[in-house]
Protein backbone atom coordinates (compact mmCIF):
# COMPACT_ATOMS: atom_id res chain seq x y z
CA MET A 1 194.78 -175.74 198.93
CA MET A 2 191.61 -174.47 197.23
CA ASN A 3 191.98 -171.70 194.69
CA PRO A 4 190.29 -168.37 195.55
CA ILE A 5 187.46 -168.85 193.05
CA THR A 6 186.57 -172.28 194.43
CA THR A 7 186.68 -170.91 197.98
CA ARG A 8 184.35 -167.99 197.13
CA ILE A 9 181.91 -170.27 195.30
CA ALA A 10 181.78 -172.57 198.32
CA MET A 11 181.20 -169.64 200.68
CA PHE A 12 178.46 -168.21 198.45
CA THR A 13 176.73 -171.55 198.19
CA SER A 14 176.87 -172.13 201.94
CA ALA A 15 175.87 -168.60 202.88
CA LEU A 16 172.83 -168.51 200.64
CA ALA A 17 171.97 -172.25 200.78
CA LEU A 18 172.15 -172.67 197.03
CA ALA A 19 171.90 -175.86 195.04
CA GLY A 20 172.82 -176.39 191.42
CA ALA A 21 174.89 -173.24 190.90
CA ALA A 22 176.57 -172.77 187.56
CA ALA A 23 179.81 -170.79 187.72
CA VAL A 24 180.91 -168.42 185.02
CA THR A 25 184.02 -166.34 185.58
CA GLY A 26 185.69 -163.53 183.71
CA ALA A 27 187.64 -160.41 184.44
CA SER A 28 185.90 -157.12 183.93
CA PRO A 29 187.36 -155.13 181.04
CA ALA A 30 186.97 -151.96 183.12
CA ALA A 31 188.97 -153.32 186.06
CA ALA A 32 192.22 -151.59 186.87
CA ALA A 33 195.45 -153.56 187.13
CA ASP A 34 195.11 -153.82 190.94
CA PHE A 35 191.74 -155.63 191.06
CA ARG A 36 189.74 -158.15 189.08
CA PHE A 37 186.12 -159.24 189.38
CA ASP A 38 184.49 -162.64 188.88
CA TYR A 39 180.83 -163.50 188.95
CA LEU A 40 178.63 -166.46 189.83
CA GLU A 41 175.04 -166.89 188.72
CA ALA A 42 172.90 -169.49 190.48
CA THR A 43 170.03 -171.35 188.86
CA ASN A 44 167.57 -169.92 191.43
CA GLY A 45 168.28 -166.31 190.38
CA ASP A 46 170.78 -165.42 193.12
CA PHE A 47 173.95 -163.69 191.93
CA ALA A 48 177.44 -162.90 193.28
CA ILE A 49 180.33 -160.71 192.20
CA SER A 50 183.67 -161.24 193.94
CA ALA A 51 186.61 -158.83 193.99
CA TYR A 52 190.22 -160.02 194.08
CA LYS A 53 193.54 -158.26 194.26
CA THR A 54 195.37 -159.02 191.03
CA ALA A 55 198.45 -159.91 193.09
CA GLY A 56 196.29 -162.46 194.95
CA GLY A 57 193.73 -162.53 197.68
CA VAL A 58 190.02 -162.05 198.04
CA VAL A 59 188.87 -158.53 198.90
CA GLY A 60 185.17 -159.40 199.27
CA SER A 61 181.90 -159.95 197.45
CA GLY A 62 178.53 -158.47 196.60
CA TYR A 63 175.41 -160.65 196.40
CA TRP A 64 171.89 -160.40 195.03
CA LYS A 65 169.42 -162.62 196.91
CA LYS A 66 166.36 -162.89 194.65
CA ASN A 67 164.11 -164.27 197.39
CA GLY A 68 163.84 -161.23 199.64
CA ASP A 69 165.22 -158.65 197.18
CA ALA A 70 168.37 -158.37 199.29
CA LEU A 71 171.58 -156.64 198.24
CA ILE A 72 174.46 -157.94 200.37
CA VAL A 73 178.11 -156.89 200.55
CA MET A 74 180.87 -158.69 202.45
CA ASP A 75 184.34 -157.27 203.13
CA ASP A 76 186.70 -160.16 203.90
CA SER A 77 190.05 -158.37 203.93
CA THR A 78 191.66 -155.96 206.40
CA ASP A 79 193.52 -154.28 203.53
CA GLY A 80 192.06 -150.78 204.03
CA TYR A 81 189.69 -151.04 201.06
CA SER A 82 185.91 -151.17 201.42
CA LEU A 83 183.25 -152.59 199.13
CA GLU A 84 180.00 -151.21 197.77
CA ALA A 85 177.34 -153.25 195.99
CA HIS A 86 175.07 -151.13 193.79
CA LEU A 87 171.63 -151.86 192.34
CA SER A 88 170.18 -149.76 189.50
CA THR A 89 167.36 -148.63 191.82
CA GLY A 90 169.92 -146.56 193.72
CA ARG A 91 170.14 -149.12 196.54
CA VAL A 92 173.69 -149.43 197.92
CA ALA A 93 175.12 -151.87 200.47
CA SER A 94 178.46 -150.60 201.77
CA THR A 95 181.22 -151.61 204.17
CA ARG A 96 182.71 -148.09 204.33
CA GLY A 97 183.57 -147.08 207.89
CA HIS A 98 183.57 -150.65 209.23
CA THR A 99 186.43 -152.96 210.12
CA ALA A 100 186.65 -156.20 208.11
CA PRO A 101 185.31 -158.75 208.24
CA TYR A 102 181.98 -156.96 207.87
CA THR A 103 178.69 -157.68 206.08
CA GLU A 104 175.83 -155.32 205.27
CA THR A 105 172.43 -156.35 203.91
CA VAL A 106 169.95 -153.88 202.40
CA LYS A 107 166.44 -155.21 201.71
CA GLY A 108 163.29 -153.78 200.23
CA ASP A 109 160.41 -155.01 198.11
CA LEU A 110 160.82 -154.64 194.36
CA THR A 111 158.42 -155.39 191.50
CA GLU A 112 158.37 -159.18 191.09
CA GLY A 113 159.90 -160.34 187.80
CA LYS A 114 161.43 -156.95 186.95
CA TRP A 115 165.09 -156.83 185.86
CA TYR A 116 167.72 -154.56 187.42
CA THR A 117 171.48 -154.21 187.09
CA MET A 118 174.01 -154.80 189.85
CA TYR A 119 177.71 -154.03 190.14
CA LEU A 120 180.42 -154.15 192.82
CA CYS A 121 183.06 -151.51 193.60
CA VAL A 122 186.28 -151.63 195.61
CA VAL A 123 186.57 -148.20 197.24
CA LYS A 124 188.97 -146.23 199.43
CA ASP A 125 188.69 -142.49 200.02
CA THR A 126 188.08 -141.10 196.49
CA PHE A 127 189.39 -144.25 194.75
CA SER A 128 186.84 -146.54 193.10
CA ASP A 129 187.32 -149.59 190.86
CA CYS A 130 184.08 -151.24 189.75
CA SER A 131 183.00 -154.43 188.03
CA SER A 132 180.85 -154.56 184.95
CA SER A 133 177.09 -154.37 185.51
CA TYR A 134 175.11 -157.61 185.49
CA TRP A 135 171.38 -158.27 185.18
CA VAL A 136 169.51 -159.54 188.26
CA GLN A 137 165.80 -160.20 188.63
CA ALA A 138 163.47 -159.46 191.52
């Protein structure tokens, strides 16, 4: 049985047709006891943050697709929580109000080569638990 991190890396690679990805994982210091966040940075500039329940199980992921300036969020779990991927431009991709599994993609041209920050939140009603912010490039 594959561990959750290996499974998410494989899904990210397949979904975005990546080659040569280098994985770096670490829990966010700001994460509450119920959730943890891991990230994956690909050599082509794509980026992913995955959310996991501390007790086990993938909640979903947020992705930055450099080619196309796309912010993507995927909710994989029917646990009642939603996900929101945020970009420092104010762009938000959200699964709120949708039944999992659900994916939302928000695109829009950004200044080529400019750096932005991205983070992922697990949300439910007024509850929000977010990852650290990570740099992504357009």
